[in-house]
Amino acid sequence: MSLLSSKMIMKGRGFTMHEEIQARHPGLDWQFSLMPGKRRALKKSEVVDDQIDRLEMIKASIWAKVEHPFRVFKYQFNYRKTR
C-alpha cells in the first residue's frame, strides 16, 4: 500500500479510545503514540522493543513537522490563549 493511496490517521499519546474508534472506521490505518510510561518501560536491549522505540521516534518527528505550520498559522491570526 503506498502512502498516496492510503488513509492514515495519527493520534497523540493522550488519545485513549483506540478500540472504539478503530471499530467505527475499520478501513483506515491508525497510528497511536505510546504513553510515555510504556515507552520508558521498553527494554532497548531487545530487538523488538528497539524497533518499537524507533517507530515511536519516527511518529513523533512526523507529528512535529505537521503541527508546526498549524501553530504558525494560528499565531498569525491571533488564535492564542489569553488571560
Protein backbone atom coordinates (compact mmCIF):
# COMPACT_ATOMS: atom_id res chain seq x y z
CA MET A 1 0.00 0.00 0.00
CA SER A 2 1.50 3.34 -0.99
CA LEU A 3 1.30 6.45 1.13
CA LEU A 4 -0.58 8.36 -1.56
CA SER A 5 -3.43 5.88 -1.74
CA SER A 6 -3.66 5.03 1.97
CA LYS A 7 -5.62 6.90 4.57
CA MET A 8 -3.51 7.17 7.69
CA ILE A 9 -4.63 8.84 10.89
CA MET A 10 -2.14 9.62 13.63
CA LYS A 11 -3.30 10.30 17.17
CA GLY A 12 -1.27 11.65 20.05
CA ARG A 13 -0.41 9.89 23.26
CA GLY A 14 -3.33 11.39 25.19
CA PHE A 15 -5.87 9.64 22.99
CA THR A 16 -7.39 6.71 24.88
CA MET A 17 -10.38 5.38 22.89
CA HIS A 18 -8.36 3.19 20.48
CA GLU A 19 -10.59 0.14 20.09
CA GLU A 20 -13.86 2.09 19.91
CA ILE A 21 -12.63 4.43 17.17
CA GLN A 22 -10.96 1.65 15.19
CA ALA A 23 -14.19 -0.36 15.24
CA ARG A 24 -16.17 2.61 13.89
CA HIS A 25 -13.73 3.23 10.99
CA PRO A 26 -12.15 -0.10 10.01
CA GLY A 27 -10.79 0.91 6.59
CA LEU A 28 -8.27 3.43 7.92
CA ASP A 29 -4.67 2.90 9.01
CA TRP A 30 -4.49 4.07 12.63
CA GLN A 31 -1.19 5.06 14.26
CA PHE A 32 -1.34 5.76 18.00
CA SER A 33 1.61 7.01 20.02
CA LEU A 34 2.64 5.12 23.13
CA MET A 35 2.12 6.68 26.51
CA PRO A 36 5.43 7.95 27.99
CA GLY A 37 5.45 5.36 30.77
CA LYS A 38 5.04 2.47 28.34
CA ARG A 39 7.79 3.83 26.14
CA ARG A 40 10.16 4.18 29.12
CA ALA A 41 9.37 0.59 30.13
CA LEU A 42 10.65 -0.77 26.80
CA LYS A 43 13.91 -2.69 27.06
CA LYS A 44 16.22 -1.15 24.48
CA SER A 45 18.43 -4.25 24.52
CA GLU A 46 15.66 -6.38 22.95
CA VAL A 47 15.34 -6.14 19.17
CA VAL A 48 11.54 -5.85 19.12
CA ASP A 49 11.46 -3.12 21.76
CA ASP A 50 14.23 -1.23 19.97
CA GLN A 51 12.21 -1.31 16.74
CA ILE A 52 9.11 -0.08 18.59
CA ASP A 53 11.13 2.79 20.07
CA ARG A 54 12.46 3.75 16.63
CA LEU A 55 8.93 3.69 15.22
CA GLU A 56 7.77 5.99 18.03
CA MET A 57 10.59 8.42 17.21
CA ILE A 58 9.54 8.45 13.55
CA LYS A 59 5.91 9.10 14.52
CA ALA A 60 6.98 11.95 16.80
CA SER A 61 9.06 13.58 14.06
CA ILE A 62 6.16 13.39 11.59
CA TRP A 63 3.83 14.83 14.22
CA ALA A 64 6.20 17.76 14.84
CA LYS A 65 6.58 18.51 11.13
CA VAL A 66 2.82 18.58 10.67
CA GLU A 67 1.92 20.54 13.80
CA HIS A 68 4.43 23.37 13.39
CA PRO A 69 2.79 25.00 10.31
CA PHE A 70 -0.58 24.92 12.09
CA ARG A 71 0.88 26.71 15.11
CA VAL A 72 2.43 29.39 12.92
CA PHE A 73 -0.81 29.85 11.04
CA LYS A 74 -2.83 30.15 14.26
CA TYR A 75 -0.41 32.72 15.68
CA GLN A 76 -0.68 34.84 12.53
CA PHE A 77 -4.42 35.12 13.13
CA ASN A 78 -4.05 35.74 16.89
CA TYR A 79 -5.60 32.47 17.92
CA ARG A 80 -3.92 32.20 21.35
CA LYS A 81 -5.00 31.66 24.89
CA THR A 82 -5.35 34.92 26.76
CA ARG A 83 -5.87 35.62 30.42
